[in-house]
């Protein structure tokens, strides 16, 4: 650092708390920004930058659906939420060579622990990586990698009439998660890729958060 052997200096945190042998383990953590100064109250000679890492509060996800759907004044939001829940099935079955089967079941027994909405299809299924990407909030089809849906360079928005048949509902990657937490408090995605014997399961739960 170009410090002369006879020159005094201090190391401080960004709120000017001096690092000592006694508080080192408490104040010096991974990613923390430190100042190397001649004194604790030295004026900074230039602007400094500090890296900030954070995780969004879980309410960003679990309460987003309530805001999104209730914001549509004068409309019954439940059909729109159910439409979002079948969007994955519309996409998954879009390349089926045979029959496209999509079932919506309302379960009011104790088989799921609580009442549940189940959407079942015979689509191509998702790998564990694709399932992981589905869980990421606002990861749109523009930015997903490794899926055939990710290439939308020549995308033309379909006409209004067939829109419900081509998985354009959740085009920006938000609707599914918002719909889940508008209708209920948890989501369980179970998927088996068509060319694999593995079954993958993902659970997003307000209780777990």
N, C-alpha and C. Protein backbone atom coordinates (compact mmCIF):
# COMPACT_ATOMS: atom_id res chain seq x y z
N UNK A 1 0.82 -1.22 0.00
CA UNK A 1 0.00 0.00 0.00
C UNK A 1 0.85 1.27 0.00
N UNK A 2 2.14 1.13 -0.08
CA UNK A 2 3.00 2.31 -0.10
C UNK A 2 3.09 3.02 1.23
N UNK A 3 2.98 2.30 2.36
CA UNK A 3 3.05 2.91 3.69
C UNK A 3 4.49 2.81 4.20
N UNK A 4 5.01 3.94 4.61
CA UNK A 4 6.38 3.95 5.14
C UNK A 4 6.43 3.20 6.46
N UNK A 5 7.60 2.66 6.78
CA UNK A 5 7.74 1.85 8.00
C UNK A 5 7.51 2.66 9.27
N UNK A 6 7.74 3.98 9.20
CA UNK A 6 7.54 4.80 10.40
C UNK A 6 6.21 5.54 10.38
N UNK A 7 5.31 5.16 9.49
CA UNK A 7 4.03 5.87 9.37
C UNK A 7 2.93 5.09 10.09
N UNK A 8 2.10 5.80 10.87
CA UNK A 8 0.99 5.18 11.58
C UNK A 8 -0.25 5.11 10.68
N UNK A 9 -1.04 4.08 10.85
CA UNK A 9 -2.29 3.97 10.10
C UNK A 9 -3.28 3.14 10.92
N UNK A 10 -4.56 3.23 10.53
CA UNK A 10 -5.61 2.44 11.16
C UNK A 10 -6.45 1.80 10.05
N UNK A 11 -7.08 0.69 10.41
CA UNK A 11 -8.06 0.04 9.52
C UNK A 11 -9.42 0.16 10.19
N UNK A 12 -10.40 0.69 9.46
CA UNK A 12 -11.73 0.90 10.03
C UNK A 12 -12.80 0.31 9.12
N UNK A 13 -13.99 0.16 9.70
CA UNK A 13 -15.16 -0.17 8.91
C UNK A 13 -15.66 1.10 8.25
N UNK A 14 -16.68 0.98 7.39
CA UNK A 14 -17.20 2.16 6.70
C UNK A 14 -17.90 3.12 7.65
N UNK A 15 -18.27 2.66 8.84
CA UNK A 15 -18.83 3.59 9.83
C UNK A 15 -17.77 4.03 10.85
N UNK A 16 -16.52 3.91 10.41
CA UNK A 16 -15.36 4.42 11.15
C UNK A 16 -15.16 3.76 12.52
N UNK A 17 -15.42 2.49 12.59
CA UNK A 17 -15.09 1.75 13.80
C UNK A 17 -13.76 1.04 13.57
N UNK A 18 -12.77 1.35 14.42
CA UNK A 18 -11.42 0.83 14.22
C UNK A 18 -11.37 -0.68 14.46
N UNK A 19 -10.67 -1.38 13.55
CA UNK A 19 -10.49 -2.81 13.70
C UNK A 19 -9.34 -3.07 14.66
N UNK A 20 -9.61 -3.85 15.69
CA UNK A 20 -8.59 -4.21 16.67
C UNK A 20 -8.53 -5.72 16.81
N UNK A 21 -7.58 -6.17 17.59
CA UNK A 21 -7.46 -7.62 17.82
C UNK A 21 -8.69 -8.17 18.52
N UNK A 22 -9.31 -7.34 19.36
CA UNK A 22 -10.45 -7.81 20.14
C UNK A 22 -11.73 -7.93 19.30
N UNK A 23 -11.91 -7.02 18.33
CA UNK A 23 -13.17 -7.04 17.58
C UNK A 23 -13.01 -7.56 16.15
N UNK A 24 -11.84 -8.05 15.81
CA UNK A 24 -11.56 -8.47 14.43
C UNK A 24 -12.57 -9.50 13.93
N UNK A 25 -12.77 -10.58 14.69
CA UNK A 25 -13.65 -11.66 14.25
C UNK A 25 -15.09 -11.20 14.16
N UNK A 26 -15.46 -10.20 14.93
CA UNK A 26 -16.84 -9.69 14.91
C UNK A 26 -17.09 -8.78 13.71
N UNK A 27 -16.12 -7.92 13.39
CA UNK A 27 -16.34 -6.90 12.37
C UNK A 27 -15.88 -7.29 10.98
N UNK A 28 -14.89 -8.16 10.88
CA UNK A 28 -14.34 -8.51 9.58
C UNK A 28 -14.98 -9.81 9.09
N UNK A 29 -15.94 -9.66 8.17
CA UNK A 29 -16.64 -10.79 7.59
C UNK A 29 -16.41 -10.79 6.08
N UNK A 30 -16.78 -11.89 5.44
CA UNK A 30 -16.63 -11.97 3.98
C UNK A 30 -17.41 -10.85 3.31
N UNK A 31 -16.77 -10.15 2.39
CA UNK A 31 -17.45 -9.12 1.62
C UNK A 31 -17.51 -7.76 2.29
N UNK A 32 -16.99 -7.62 3.52
CA UNK A 32 -17.05 -6.34 4.21
C UNK A 32 -16.05 -5.37 3.59
N UNK A 33 -16.43 -4.09 3.55
CA UNK A 33 -15.55 -3.04 3.03
C UNK A 33 -14.80 -2.38 4.18
N UNK A 34 -13.49 -2.22 4.02
CA UNK A 34 -12.65 -1.62 5.06
C UNK A 34 -11.93 -0.40 4.50
N UNK A 35 -11.62 0.55 5.40
CA UNK A 35 -10.83 1.72 5.04
C UNK A 35 -9.44 1.59 5.67
N UNK A 36 -8.42 1.95 4.89
CA UNK A 36 -7.06 2.06 5.40
C UNK A 36 -6.75 3.55 5.49
N UNK A 37 -6.65 4.10 6.73
CA UNK A 37 -6.57 5.54 6.94
C UNK A 37 -5.40 5.90 7.84
N UNK A 38 -5.06 7.16 7.81
CA UNK A 38 -4.03 7.64 8.73
C UNK A 38 -4.60 7.86 10.12
N UNK A 39 -5.90 8.14 10.21
CA UNK A 39 -6.58 8.28 11.49
C UNK A 39 -8.05 7.95 11.28
N UNK A 40 -8.75 7.64 12.36
CA UNK A 40 -10.15 7.24 12.26
C UNK A 40 -11.00 8.34 11.64
N UNK A 41 -10.69 9.60 11.92
CA UNK A 41 -11.52 10.70 11.43
C UNK A 41 -10.94 11.37 10.18
N UNK A 42 -10.05 10.70 9.47
CA UNK A 42 -9.46 11.27 8.26
C UNK A 42 -10.53 11.51 7.20
N UNK A 43 -10.43 12.64 6.50
CA UNK A 43 -11.32 12.94 5.38
C UNK A 43 -10.99 12.00 4.22
N UNK A 44 -12.00 11.48 3.57
CA UNK A 44 -11.77 10.64 2.39
C UNK A 44 -11.38 11.52 1.21
N UNK A 45 -10.36 11.11 0.48
CA UNK A 45 -9.84 11.91 -0.62
C UNK A 45 -10.67 11.77 -1.89
N UNK A 46 -11.47 10.71 -1.97
CA UNK A 46 -12.29 10.49 -3.17
C UNK A 46 -13.50 9.65 -2.78
N UNK A 47 -14.44 9.55 -3.69
CA UNK A 47 -15.63 8.75 -3.43
C UNK A 47 -15.25 7.27 -3.33
N UNK A 48 -15.92 6.54 -2.49
CA UNK A 48 -15.66 5.11 -2.33
C UNK A 48 -16.88 4.32 -2.80
N UNK A 49 -16.63 3.09 -3.15
CA UNK A 49 -17.71 2.19 -3.55
C UNK A 49 -17.77 1.01 -2.59
N UNK A 50 -18.98 0.58 -2.27
CA UNK A 50 -19.16 -0.56 -1.38
C UNK A 50 -20.12 -1.54 -2.03
N UNK A 51 -19.73 -2.80 -2.11
CA UNK A 51 -20.58 -3.84 -2.68
C UNK A 51 -21.65 -4.23 -1.67
N UNK A 52 -22.87 -4.36 -2.12
CA UNK A 52 -23.98 -4.76 -1.25
C UNK A 52 -24.60 -6.03 -1.79
N UNK A 53 -24.65 -7.07 -1.00
CA UNK A 53 -25.32 -8.32 -1.35
C UNK A 53 -26.54 -8.48 -0.46
N UNK A 54 -27.67 -8.83 -1.05
CA UNK A 54 -28.87 -8.99 -0.24
C UNK A 54 -29.80 -10.00 -0.88
N UNK A 55 -30.65 -10.59 -0.06
CA UNK A 55 -31.73 -11.43 -0.54
C UNK A 55 -33.04 -10.67 -0.35
N UNK A 56 -33.90 -10.61 -1.37
CA UNK A 56 -35.18 -9.93 -1.20
C UNK A 56 -35.99 -10.60 -0.09
N UNK A 57 -36.80 -9.82 0.58
CA UNK A 57 -37.68 -10.38 1.61
C UNK A 57 -38.65 -11.33 0.95
N UNK A 58 -39.01 -12.42 1.63
CA UNK A 58 -39.88 -13.42 1.01
C UNK A 58 -41.26 -12.86 0.66
N UNK A 59 -41.68 -11.78 1.30
CA UNK A 59 -42.97 -11.17 0.95
C UNK A 59 -42.99 -10.68 -0.50
N UNK A 60 -41.79 -10.42 -1.06
CA UNK A 60 -41.71 -10.03 -2.48
C UNK A 60 -42.39 -11.07 -3.34
N UNK A 61 -42.25 -12.33 -2.97
CA UNK A 61 -42.87 -13.41 -3.73
C UNK A 61 -44.26 -13.75 -3.21
N UNK A 62 -44.37 -14.01 -1.91
CA UNK A 62 -45.61 -14.58 -1.41
C UNK A 62 -46.76 -13.57 -1.36
N UNK A 63 -46.46 -12.27 -1.40
CA UNK A 63 -47.53 -11.27 -1.39
C UNK A 63 -47.71 -10.58 -2.73
N UNK A 64 -46.85 -10.93 -3.70
CA UNK A 64 -46.95 -10.25 -4.99
C UNK A 64 -48.25 -10.59 -5.71
N UNK A 65 -48.71 -11.82 -5.56
CA UNK A 65 -49.94 -12.21 -6.22
C UNK A 65 -51.15 -11.46 -5.70
N UNK A 66 -51.19 -11.24 -4.39
CA UNK A 66 -52.32 -10.50 -3.82
C UNK A 66 -52.38 -9.10 -4.39
N UNK A 67 -51.23 -8.47 -4.49
CA UNK A 67 -51.19 -7.11 -5.05
C UNK A 67 -51.56 -7.11 -6.52
N UNK A 68 -50.97 -8.06 -7.26
CA UNK A 68 -51.15 -8.09 -8.71
C UNK A 68 -52.61 -8.27 -9.10
N UNK A 69 -53.28 -9.20 -8.45
CA UNK A 69 -54.63 -9.53 -8.86
C UNK A 69 -55.68 -8.58 -8.28
N UNK A 70 -55.49 -8.14 -7.06
CA UNK A 70 -56.44 -7.18 -6.49
C UNK A 70 -56.29 -5.80 -7.11
N UNK A 71 -55.17 -5.57 -7.81
CA UNK A 71 -54.98 -4.28 -8.46
C UNK A 71 -55.91 -4.12 -9.66
N UNK A 72 -56.48 -5.23 -10.16
CA UNK A 72 -57.41 -5.18 -11.29
C UNK A 72 -58.81 -4.90 -10.76
N UNK A 73 -59.11 -3.62 -10.56
CA UNK A 73 -60.39 -3.24 -9.97
C UNK A 73 -61.54 -3.59 -10.91
N UNK A 74 -62.63 -4.04 -10.31
CA UNK A 74 -63.83 -4.33 -11.07
C UNK A 74 -63.80 -5.66 -11.79
N UNK A 75 -62.76 -6.47 -11.57
CA UNK A 75 -62.67 -7.77 -12.23
C UNK A 75 -62.55 -8.87 -11.18
N UNK A 76 -63.10 -10.04 -11.51
CA UNK A 76 -62.92 -11.20 -10.66
C UNK A 76 -61.57 -11.82 -11.00
N UNK A 77 -60.60 -11.74 -10.10
CA UNK A 77 -59.24 -12.15 -10.45
C UNK A 77 -59.01 -13.65 -10.50
N UNK A 78 -59.90 -14.46 -9.89
CA UNK A 78 -59.62 -15.90 -9.79
C UNK A 78 -59.44 -16.58 -11.15
N UNK A 79 -60.30 -16.32 -12.16
CA UNK A 79 -60.07 -16.96 -13.46
C UNK A 79 -58.71 -16.64 -14.06
N UNK A 80 -58.24 -15.41 -13.86
CA UNK A 80 -56.93 -15.04 -14.40
C UNK A 80 -55.82 -15.82 -13.68
N UNK A 81 -55.97 -16.00 -12.37
CA UNK A 81 -54.98 -16.77 -11.62
C UNK A 81 -54.96 -18.22 -12.07
N UNK A 82 -56.14 -18.81 -12.30
CA UNK A 82 -56.20 -20.20 -12.76
C UNK A 82 -55.60 -20.32 -14.16
N UNK A 83 -55.81 -19.30 -14.99
CA UNK A 83 -55.22 -19.33 -16.33
C UNK A 83 -53.70 -19.37 -16.25
N UNK A 84 -53.14 -18.63 -15.31
CA UNK A 84 -51.69 -18.64 -15.15
C UNK A 84 -51.20 -20.03 -14.74
N UNK A 85 -51.99 -20.71 -13.90
CA UNK A 85 -51.56 -22.01 -13.40
C UNK A 85 -51.52 -23.08 -14.49
N UNK A 86 -52.29 -22.91 -15.56
CA UNK A 86 -52.24 -23.90 -16.64
C UNK A 86 -51.26 -23.49 -17.74
N UNK A 87 -50.64 -22.33 -17.59
CA UNK A 87 -49.73 -21.86 -18.64
C UNK A 87 -48.55 -22.81 -18.84
N UNK A 88 -48.02 -23.35 -17.74
CA UNK A 88 -46.91 -24.29 -17.88
C UNK A 88 -47.31 -25.52 -18.68
N UNK A 89 -48.55 -25.97 -18.46
CA UNK A 89 -49.03 -27.13 -19.19
C UNK A 89 -49.22 -26.82 -20.67
N UNK A 90 -49.69 -25.62 -20.98
CA UNK A 90 -49.84 -25.22 -22.38
C UNK A 90 -48.48 -25.23 -23.08
N UNK A 91 -47.47 -24.73 -22.38
CA UNK A 91 -46.13 -24.71 -22.96
C UNK A 91 -45.55 -26.11 -23.06
N UNK A 92 -45.76 -26.90 -22.01
CA UNK A 92 -45.16 -28.24 -21.97
C UNK A 92 -45.73 -29.16 -23.04
N UNK A 93 -47.01 -28.98 -23.40
CA UNK A 93 -47.66 -29.88 -24.36
C UNK A 93 -47.67 -29.31 -25.78
N UNK A 94 -47.07 -28.14 -25.97
CA UNK A 94 -47.17 -27.46 -27.27
C UNK A 94 -46.52 -28.25 -28.40
N UNK A 95 -45.55 -29.12 -28.07
CA UNK A 95 -44.87 -29.90 -29.10
C UNK A 95 -45.24 -31.37 -29.07
N UNK A 96 -46.31 -31.70 -28.38
CA UNK A 96 -46.77 -33.09 -28.37
C UNK A 96 -47.11 -33.55 -29.79
N UNK A 97 -46.69 -34.76 -30.13
CA UNK A 97 -47.06 -35.32 -31.43
C UNK A 97 -48.43 -35.98 -31.36
N UNK A 98 -48.85 -36.35 -30.17
CA UNK A 98 -50.16 -36.98 -29.99
C UNK A 98 -51.13 -36.06 -29.28
N UNK A 99 -51.97 -36.65 -28.46
CA UNK A 99 -53.01 -35.90 -27.75
C UNK A 99 -52.38 -35.02 -26.68
N UNK A 100 -52.88 -33.80 -26.57
CA UNK A 100 -52.49 -32.90 -25.47
C UNK A 100 -53.51 -33.08 -24.35
N UNK A 101 -53.05 -33.52 -23.21
CA UNK A 101 -53.94 -33.75 -22.08
C UNK A 101 -53.59 -32.80 -20.95
N UNK A 102 -54.53 -31.97 -20.57
CA UNK A 102 -54.35 -31.05 -19.45
C UNK A 102 -55.58 -31.16 -18.54
N UNK A 103 -55.34 -31.52 -17.29
CA UNK A 103 -56.43 -31.68 -16.33
C UNK A 103 -56.28 -30.66 -15.21
N UNK A 104 -57.40 -30.10 -14.78
CA UNK A 104 -57.43 -29.21 -13.61
C UNK A 104 -58.31 -29.87 -12.56
N UNK A 105 -57.75 -30.14 -11.42
CA UNK A 105 -58.49 -30.80 -10.34
C UNK A 105 -58.52 -29.91 -9.10
N UNK A 106 -59.68 -29.79 -8.51
CA UNK A 106 -59.83 -29.10 -7.22
C UNK A 106 -59.96 -30.16 -6.15
N UNK A 107 -58.99 -30.25 -5.26
CA UNK A 107 -58.94 -31.29 -4.24
C UNK A 107 -59.35 -30.71 -2.90
N UNK A 108 -60.41 -31.26 -2.34
CA UNK A 108 -60.91 -30.75 -1.06
C UNK A 108 -60.80 -31.78 0.05
N UNK A 109 -60.04 -32.86 -0.21
CA UNK A 109 -59.84 -33.87 0.82
C UNK A 109 -58.52 -33.61 1.55
N UNK A 110 -58.11 -34.56 2.34
CA UNK A 110 -56.90 -34.38 3.15
C UNK A 110 -55.65 -34.98 2.49
N UNK A 111 -55.74 -35.38 1.22
CA UNK A 111 -54.61 -36.04 0.58
C UNK A 111 -53.41 -35.12 0.43
N UNK A 112 -53.65 -33.81 0.33
CA UNK A 112 -52.56 -32.84 0.22
C UNK A 112 -52.30 -32.12 1.53
N UNK A 113 -53.04 -32.49 2.57
CA UNK A 113 -52.92 -31.79 3.85
C UNK A 113 -53.92 -30.65 3.95
N UNK A 114 -54.09 -29.94 2.84
CA UNK A 114 -55.06 -28.85 2.77
C UNK A 114 -55.70 -28.89 1.39
N UNK A 115 -56.81 -28.18 1.19
CA UNK A 115 -57.39 -28.11 -0.16
C UNK A 115 -56.35 -27.62 -1.17
N UNK A 116 -56.44 -28.13 -2.40
CA UNK A 116 -55.40 -27.82 -3.38
C UNK A 116 -56.00 -27.74 -4.78
N UNK A 117 -55.30 -27.00 -5.64
CA UNK A 117 -55.58 -26.97 -7.07
C UNK A 117 -54.46 -27.74 -7.76
N UNK A 118 -54.82 -28.76 -8.51
CA UNK A 118 -53.82 -29.58 -9.20
C UNK A 118 -53.97 -29.41 -10.71
N UNK A 119 -52.88 -29.12 -11.40
CA UNK A 119 -52.85 -29.04 -12.85
C UNK A 119 -51.92 -30.14 -13.35
N UNK A 120 -52.46 -31.06 -14.15
CA UNK A 120 -51.72 -32.25 -14.59
C UNK A 120 -51.70 -32.29 -16.11
N UNK A 121 -50.52 -32.56 -16.67
CA UNK A 121 -50.43 -32.62 -18.14
C UNK A 121 -49.50 -33.75 -18.56
N UNK A 122 -49.53 -34.06 -19.85
CA UNK A 122 -48.66 -35.09 -20.43
C UNK A 122 -47.60 -34.45 -21.32
N UNK A 123 -47.06 -33.32 -20.88
CA UNK A 123 -46.06 -32.59 -21.65
C UNK A 123 -44.68 -33.19 -21.55
N UNK A 124 -43.70 -32.46 -22.07
CA UNK A 124 -42.33 -32.97 -22.19
C UNK A 124 -41.63 -33.05 -20.85
N UNK A 125 -42.15 -32.38 -19.82
CA UNK A 125 -41.52 -32.41 -18.51
C UNK A 125 -40.35 -31.44 -18.41
N UNK A 126 -39.87 -31.23 -17.20
CA UNK A 126 -38.77 -30.31 -16.96
C UNK A 126 -37.62 -31.02 -16.28
N UNK A 127 -36.41 -30.65 -16.67
CA UNK A 127 -35.23 -31.13 -15.96
C UNK A 127 -35.14 -30.41 -14.62
N UNK A 128 -34.23 -30.85 -13.78
CA UNK A 128 -34.06 -30.20 -12.49
C UNK A 128 -33.64 -28.74 -12.66
N UNK A 129 -32.81 -28.48 -13.69
CA UNK A 129 -32.35 -27.11 -13.94
C UNK A 129 -33.50 -26.23 -14.41
N UNK A 130 -34.34 -26.77 -15.30
CA UNK A 130 -35.48 -26.00 -15.77
C UNK A 130 -36.46 -25.72 -14.63
N UNK A 131 -36.62 -26.70 -13.75
CA UNK A 131 -37.50 -26.52 -12.60
C UNK A 131 -36.96 -25.45 -11.68
N UNK A 132 -35.64 -25.43 -11.52
CA UNK A 132 -34.99 -24.40 -10.72
C UNK A 132 -35.23 -23.02 -11.31
N UNK A 133 -35.11 -22.91 -12.63
CA UNK A 133 -35.30 -21.62 -13.28
C UNK A 133 -36.74 -21.15 -13.17
N UNK A 134 -37.68 -22.10 -13.20
CA UNK A 134 -39.10 -21.71 -13.05
C UNK A 134 -39.33 -21.01 -11.72
N UNK A 135 -38.59 -21.42 -10.69
CA UNK A 135 -38.81 -20.88 -9.35
C UNK A 135 -38.28 -19.47 -9.19
N UNK A 136 -37.42 -19.01 -10.11
CA UNK A 136 -36.81 -17.69 -9.95
C UNK A 136 -37.78 -16.60 -10.36
N UNK A 137 -38.02 -15.68 -9.45
CA UNK A 137 -38.97 -14.60 -9.69
C UNK A 137 -38.48 -13.68 -10.79
N UNK A 138 -39.36 -13.40 -11.74
CA UNK A 138 -39.08 -12.52 -12.88
C UNK A 138 -37.95 -13.00 -13.79
N UNK A 139 -37.72 -14.29 -13.83
CA UNK A 139 -36.82 -14.83 -14.83
C UNK A 139 -37.66 -15.14 -16.07
N UNK A 140 -37.67 -14.23 -17.02
CA UNK A 140 -38.59 -14.32 -18.14
C UNK A 140 -38.09 -15.29 -19.20
N UNK A 141 -38.94 -15.56 -20.18
CA UNK A 141 -38.56 -16.43 -21.28
C UNK A 141 -37.49 -15.78 -22.15
N UNK A 142 -37.30 -14.47 -22.03
CA UNK A 142 -36.23 -13.80 -22.76
C UNK A 142 -34.86 -14.21 -22.22
N UNK A 143 -34.76 -14.41 -20.91
CA UNK A 143 -33.46 -14.59 -20.27
C UNK A 143 -33.17 -16.02 -19.87
N UNK A 144 -34.13 -16.92 -19.99
CA UNK A 144 -33.86 -18.31 -19.65
C UNK A 144 -32.90 -18.90 -20.67
N UNK A 145 -32.00 -19.74 -20.18
CA UNK A 145 -31.02 -20.39 -21.05
C UNK A 145 -31.28 -21.89 -21.04
N UNK A 146 -31.07 -22.52 -22.20
CA UNK A 146 -31.18 -23.97 -22.27
C UNK A 146 -32.57 -24.47 -22.59
N UNK A 147 -33.54 -23.59 -22.84
CA UNK A 147 -34.88 -24.00 -23.21
C UNK A 147 -35.16 -23.55 -24.62
N UNK A 148 -35.98 -24.30 -25.34
CA UNK A 148 -36.30 -23.88 -26.69
C UNK A 148 -37.11 -22.59 -26.67
N UNK A 149 -37.77 -22.31 -25.54
CA UNK A 149 -38.58 -21.10 -25.45
C UNK A 149 -37.74 -19.84 -25.31
N UNK A 150 -36.45 -20.00 -25.03
CA UNK A 150 -35.64 -18.83 -24.72
C UNK A 150 -35.26 -18.01 -25.95
N UNK A 151 -35.40 -18.60 -27.13
CA UNK A 151 -35.04 -17.88 -28.34
C UNK A 151 -36.26 -17.18 -28.91
N UNK A 152 -36.43 -15.92 -28.56
CA UNK A 152 -37.57 -15.15 -29.03
C UNK A 152 -37.13 -13.98 -29.90
N UNK A 153 -35.99 -14.17 -30.60
CA UNK A 153 -35.49 -13.08 -31.43
C UNK A 153 -36.46 -12.73 -32.54
N UNK A 154 -37.19 -13.74 -33.05
CA UNK A 154 -38.15 -13.47 -34.11
C UNK A 154 -39.58 -13.57 -33.64
N UNK A 155 -39.78 -13.36 -32.33
CA UNK A 155 -41.11 -13.56 -31.75
C UNK A 155 -42.11 -12.54 -32.26
N UNK A 156 -43.28 -13.04 -32.65
CA UNK A 156 -44.39 -12.19 -33.03
C UNK A 156 -45.57 -12.54 -32.13
N UNK A 157 -46.10 -11.56 -31.42
CA UNK A 157 -47.20 -11.85 -30.50
C UNK A 157 -48.40 -12.39 -31.27
N UNK A 158 -48.98 -13.50 -30.81
CA UNK A 158 -50.07 -14.13 -31.56
C UNK A 158 -51.35 -13.30 -31.51
N UNK A 159 -52.28 -13.63 -32.42
CA UNK A 159 -53.57 -12.96 -32.45
C UNK A 159 -54.34 -13.28 -31.17
N UNK A 160 -55.26 -12.40 -30.76
CA UNK A 160 -55.99 -12.59 -29.50
C UNK A 160 -56.75 -13.91 -29.42
N UNK A 161 -57.31 -14.38 -30.53
CA UNK A 161 -58.17 -15.55 -30.47
C UNK A 161 -57.43 -16.82 -30.03
N UNK A 162 -56.29 -17.18 -30.64
CA UNK A 162 -55.62 -18.42 -30.22
C UNK A 162 -54.66 -18.23 -29.06
N UNK A 163 -54.65 -17.08 -28.45
CA UNK A 163 -53.64 -16.80 -27.44
C UNK A 163 -53.68 -17.82 -26.30
N UNK A 164 -54.87 -18.30 -25.93
CA UNK A 164 -54.98 -19.22 -24.81
C UNK A 164 -54.41 -20.60 -25.13
N UNK A 165 -54.05 -20.83 -26.39
CA UNK A 165 -53.57 -22.15 -26.78
C UNK A 165 -52.06 -22.19 -27.03
N UNK A 166 -51.36 -21.10 -26.82
CA UNK A 166 -49.95 -21.11 -27.20
C UNK A 166 -49.02 -20.65 -26.09
N UNK A 167 -49.49 -20.63 -24.87
CA UNK A 167 -48.64 -20.32 -23.72
C UNK A 167 -48.04 -18.93 -23.80
N UNK A 168 -48.85 -17.96 -24.11
CA UNK A 168 -48.39 -16.57 -24.11
C UNK A 168 -48.79 -15.87 -22.82
N UNK A 169 -49.46 -16.61 -21.92
CA UNK A 169 -50.01 -15.98 -20.71
C UNK A 169 -48.89 -15.45 -19.82
N UNK A 170 -47.94 -16.31 -19.50
CA UNK A 170 -46.88 -15.94 -18.57
C UNK A 170 -45.61 -15.56 -19.30
N UNK A 171 -45.73 -14.81 -20.36
CA UNK A 171 -44.60 -14.52 -21.22
C UNK A 171 -43.45 -13.86 -20.48
N UNK A 172 -43.75 -13.07 -19.46
CA UNK A 172 -42.68 -12.37 -18.77
C UNK A 172 -42.27 -13.04 -17.46
N UNK A 173 -42.67 -14.27 -17.25
CA UNK A 173 -42.07 -15.08 -16.20
C UNK A 173 -42.52 -14.79 -14.79
N UNK A 174 -43.62 -14.07 -14.62
CA UNK A 174 -44.06 -13.70 -13.27
C UNK A 174 -45.32 -14.43 -12.86
N UNK A 175 -46.24 -14.61 -13.81
CA UNK A 175 -47.60 -15.00 -13.48
C UNK A 175 -47.76 -16.24 -12.65
N UNK A 176 -46.98 -17.29 -12.96
CA UNK A 176 -47.15 -18.55 -12.27
C UNK A 176 -46.96 -18.43 -10.77
N UNK A 177 -45.89 -17.79 -10.35
CA UNK A 177 -45.63 -17.65 -8.92
C UNK A 177 -46.66 -16.74 -8.26
N UNK A 178 -47.03 -15.67 -8.94
CA UNK A 178 -48.03 -14.76 -8.37
C UNK A 178 -49.37 -15.46 -8.22
N UNK A 179 -49.73 -16.26 -9.22
CA UNK A 179 -51.01 -16.98 -9.17
C UNK A 179 -51.03 -17.96 -8.01
N UNK A 180 -49.92 -18.66 -7.83
CA UNK A 180 -49.85 -19.64 -6.74
C UNK A 180 -50.13 -18.98 -5.40
N UNK A 181 -49.48 -17.87 -5.15
CA UNK A 181 -49.61 -17.25 -3.83
C UNK A 181 -50.82 -16.32 -3.73
N UNK A 182 -51.54 -16.17 -4.82
CA UNK A 182 -52.85 -15.54 -4.74
C UNK A 182 -53.90 -16.58 -4.35
N UNK A 183 -53.79 -17.78 -4.94
CA UNK A 183 -54.77 -18.84 -4.67
C UNK A 183 -54.49 -19.52 -3.34
N UNK A 184 -53.21 -19.76 -3.03
CA UNK A 184 -52.88 -20.52 -1.83
C UNK A 184 -51.59 -20.07 -1.19
N UNK A 185 -50.97 -20.97 -0.43
CA UNK A 185 -49.78 -20.63 0.33
C UNK A 185 -48.57 -21.49 0.00
N UNK A 186 -48.70 -22.38 -0.97
CA UNK A 186 -47.55 -23.18 -1.36
C UNK A 186 -47.75 -23.73 -2.77
N UNK A 187 -46.65 -24.09 -3.41
CA UNK A 187 -46.69 -24.70 -4.73
C UNK A 187 -45.81 -25.94 -4.72
N UNK A 188 -46.30 -27.01 -5.33
CA UNK A 188 -45.49 -28.22 -5.50
C UNK A 188 -45.49 -28.56 -6.99
N UNK A 189 -44.32 -28.51 -7.57
CA UNK A 189 -44.15 -28.86 -8.99
C UNK A 189 -43.49 -30.24 -9.06
N UNK A 190 -44.15 -31.21 -9.70
CA UNK A 190 -43.60 -32.55 -9.89
C UNK A 190 -43.48 -32.79 -11.38
N UNK A 191 -42.29 -33.12 -11.86
CA UNK A 191 -42.06 -33.20 -13.30
C UNK A 191 -41.10 -34.32 -13.65
N UNK A 192 -41.42 -35.03 -14.73
CA UNK A 192 -40.55 -36.10 -15.23
C UNK A 192 -40.24 -35.80 -16.69
N UNK A 193 -38.98 -35.49 -17.01
CA UNK A 193 -38.63 -35.25 -18.42
C UNK A 193 -38.97 -36.47 -19.28
N UNK A 194 -39.42 -36.20 -20.49
CA UNK A 194 -39.88 -37.28 -21.37
C UNK A 194 -38.78 -38.29 -21.67
N UNK A 195 -37.53 -37.85 -21.71
CA UNK A 195 -36.43 -38.74 -22.07
C UNK A 195 -35.61 -39.18 -20.86
N UNK A 196 -36.20 -39.13 -19.66
CA UNK A 196 -35.46 -39.47 -18.45
C UNK A 196 -36.34 -40.29 -17.52
N UNK A 197 -35.70 -41.10 -16.70
CA UNK A 197 -36.45 -41.86 -15.70
C UNK A 197 -36.56 -41.11 -14.38
N UNK A 198 -35.90 -39.96 -14.27
CA UNK A 198 -35.89 -39.21 -13.02
C UNK A 198 -37.15 -38.34 -12.87
N UNK A 199 -37.64 -38.28 -11.65
CA UNK A 199 -38.76 -37.41 -11.31
C UNK A 199 -38.24 -36.30 -10.40
N UNK A 200 -38.53 -35.05 -10.76
CA UNK A 200 -38.04 -33.91 -10.00
C UNK A 200 -39.21 -33.22 -9.30
N UNK A 201 -38.96 -32.76 -8.09
CA UNK A 201 -40.01 -32.10 -7.31
C UNK A 201 -39.48 -30.80 -6.73
N UNK A 202 -40.29 -29.76 -6.83
CA UNK A 202 -39.93 -28.44 -6.28
C UNK A 202 -41.07 -27.98 -5.39
N UNK A 203 -40.73 -27.47 -4.21
CA UNK A 203 -41.75 -26.95 -3.29
C UNK A 203 -41.40 -25.52 -2.93
N UNK A 204 -42.35 -24.61 -3.13
CA UNK A 204 -42.26 -23.24 -2.65
C UNK A 204 -43.37 -23.06 -1.62
N UNK A 205 -43.01 -22.71 -0.41
CA UNK A 205 -43.99 -22.66 0.66
C UNK A 205 -43.84 -21.41 1.50
N UNK A 206 -44.95 -20.72 1.71
CA UNK A 206 -44.92 -19.55 2.59
C UNK A 206 -44.49 -19.97 3.99
N UNK A 207 -44.95 -21.11 4.45
CA UNK A 207 -44.58 -21.59 5.79
C UNK A 207 -43.08 -21.83 5.89
N UNK A 208 -42.50 -22.44 4.85
CA UNK A 208 -41.05 -22.69 4.86
C UNK A 208 -40.27 -21.38 4.82
N UNK A 209 -40.75 -20.41 4.01
CA UNK A 209 -40.09 -19.10 3.98
C UNK A 209 -40.09 -18.49 5.37
